[in-house]
Amino acid sequence: MVSKQISAGIGIPMMAVGAILAVLLAPAVTDLSDTIQFVGSLIGILGALVFIAGLFARKAPKIAS
């Protein structure tokens, strides 16, 4: 089962924010360009990992007691 809440709610926005930081904001700030690119790409990579984790997430079966 795909967990749409994890994939669409967390993974995709993280990738979008990382891309915005790395592509649009980094050239505007020349002093911290390398740092902003690093942080943006890190957020994007973590977002991709969360997106993939959301694809493999399943609901835990209830244990009858």
C-alpha atoms as a PDB file:
ATOM      1  CA  MET A   1       0.000   0.000   0.000  1.00  0.00           C
ATOM      2  CA  VAL A   2       1.194   3.434  -0.847  1.00  0.00           C
ATOM      3  CA  SER A   3       1.015   6.021   1.887  1.00  0.00           C
ATOM      4  CA  LYS A   4      -0.123   9.102  -0.002  1.00  0.00           C
ATOM      5  CA  GLN A   5       0.073  11.246   3.106  1.00  0.00           C
ATOM      6  CA  ILE A   6       3.800  10.622   3.472  1.00  0.00           C
ATOM      7  CA  SER A   7       4.700  10.797  -0.210  1.00  0.00           C
ATOM      8  CA  ALA A   8       2.574  13.746  -1.265  1.00  0.00           C
ATOM      9  CA  GLY A   9       2.465  15.589   2.032  1.00  0.00           C
ATOM     10  CA  ILE A  10       6.111  15.514   3.015  1.00  0.00           C
ATOM     11  CA  GLY A  11       8.323  14.132   0.237  1.00  0.00           C
ATOM     12  CA  ILE A  12       7.183  16.268  -2.697  1.00  0.00           C
ATOM     13  CA  PRO A  13       7.179  19.594  -0.771  1.00  0.00           C
ATOM     14  CA  MET A  14      10.665  18.852   0.568  1.00  0.00           C
ATOM     15  CA  MET A  15      11.953  18.232  -2.949  1.00  0.00           C
ATOM     16  CA  ALA A  16      10.309  21.456  -4.153  1.00  0.00           C
ATOM     17  CA  VAL A  17      11.802  23.529  -1.316  1.00  0.00           C
ATOM     18  CA  GLY A  18      15.225  21.996  -1.904  1.00  0.00           C
ATOM     19  CA  ALA A  19      15.053  22.827  -5.603  1.00  0.00           C
ATOM     20  CA  ILE A  20      13.964  26.385  -4.881  1.00  0.00           C
ATOM     21  CA  LEU A  21      16.845  26.855  -2.459  1.00  0.00           C
ATOM     22  CA  ALA A  22      19.478  25.297  -4.700  1.00  0.00           C
ATOM     23  CA  VAL A  23      18.394  26.802  -8.020  1.00  0.00           C
ATOM     24  CA  LEU A  24      16.738  30.135  -7.296  1.00  0.00           C
ATOM     25  CA  LEU A  25      18.051  31.398  -3.976  1.00  0.00           C
ATOM     26  CA  ALA A  26      21.711  30.362  -4.212  1.00  0.00           C
ATOM     27  CA  PRO A  27      22.617  32.585  -7.200  1.00  0.00           C
ATOM     28  CA  ALA A  28      20.951  35.574  -5.520  1.00  0.00           C
ATOM     29  CA  VAL A  29      23.161  35.372  -2.422  1.00  0.00           C
ATOM     30  CA  THR A  30      26.753  35.247  -3.622  1.00  0.00           C
ATOM     31  CA  ASP A  31      28.407  35.145  -0.190  1.00  0.00           C
ATOM     32  CA  LEU A  32      26.690  31.959   0.971  1.00  0.00           C
ATOM     33  CA  SER A  33      26.067  30.380  -2.426  1.00  0.00           C
ATOM     34  CA  ASP A  34      27.886  27.107  -1.710  1.00  0.00           C
ATOM     35  CA  THR A  35      26.221  26.651   1.666  1.00  0.00           C
ATOM     36  CA  ILE A  36      22.736  27.367   0.306  1.00  0.00           C
ATOM     37  CA  GLN A  37      23.278  24.960  -2.577  1.00  0.00           C
ATOM     38  CA  PHE A  38      24.422  22.267  -0.141  1.00  0.00           C
ATOM     39  CA  VAL A  39      21.453  22.745   2.187  1.00  0.00           C
ATOM     40  CA  GLY A  40      19.009  22.860  -0.739  1.00  0.00           C
ATOM     41  CA  SER A  41      20.359  19.687  -2.282  1.00  0.00           C
ATOM     42  CA  LEU A  42      20.383  17.977   1.115  1.00  0.00           C
ATOM     43  CA  ILE A  43      16.728  18.865   1.673  1.00  0.00           C
ATOM     44  CA  GLY A  44      15.902  17.620  -1.831  1.00  0.00           C
ATOM     45  CA  ILE A  45      17.693  14.316  -1.302  1.00  0.00           C
ATOM     46  CA  LEU A  46      16.003  13.783   2.066  1.00  0.00           C
ATOM     47  CA  GLY A  47      12.679  14.595   0.420  1.00  0.00           C
ATOM     48  CA  ALA A  48      13.328  11.949  -2.228  1.00  0.00           C
ATOM     49  CA  LEU A  49      14.130   9.413   0.501  1.00  0.00           C
ATOM     50  CA  VAL A  50      10.933  10.275   2.382  1.00  0.00           C
ATOM     51  CA  PHE A  51       8.973   9.988  -0.874  1.00  0.00           C
ATOM     52  CA  ILE A  52      10.408   6.524  -1.533  1.00  0.00           C
ATOM     53  CA  ALA A  53       9.789   5.499   2.080  1.00  0.00           C
ATOM     54  CA  GLY A  54       6.165   6.565   1.642  1.00  0.00           C
ATOM     55  CA  LEU A  55       5.856   4.203  -1.294  1.00  0.00           C
ATOM     56  CA  PHE A  56       6.861   1.264   0.874  1.00  0.00           C
ATOM     57  CA  ALA A  57       4.923   2.227   4.001  1.00  0.00           C
ATOM     58  CA  ARG A  58       2.184  -0.159   5.103  1.00  0.00           C
ATOM     59  CA  LYS A  59      -0.314  -0.090   7.865  1.00  0.00           C
ATOM     60  CA  ALA A  60       0.712  -2.311  10.751  1.00  0.00           C
ATOM     61  CA  PRO A  61      -1.672  -5.211  11.287  1.00  0.00           C
ATOM     62  CA  LYS A  62      -3.659  -5.074  14.490  1.00  0.00           C
ATOM     63  CA  ILE A  63      -2.687  -7.734  16.978  1.00  0.00           C
ATOM     64  CA  ALA A  64      -5.648  -9.418  18.595  1.00  0.00           C
ATOM     65  CA  SER A  65      -5.244  -9.663  22.311  1.00  0.00           C
END
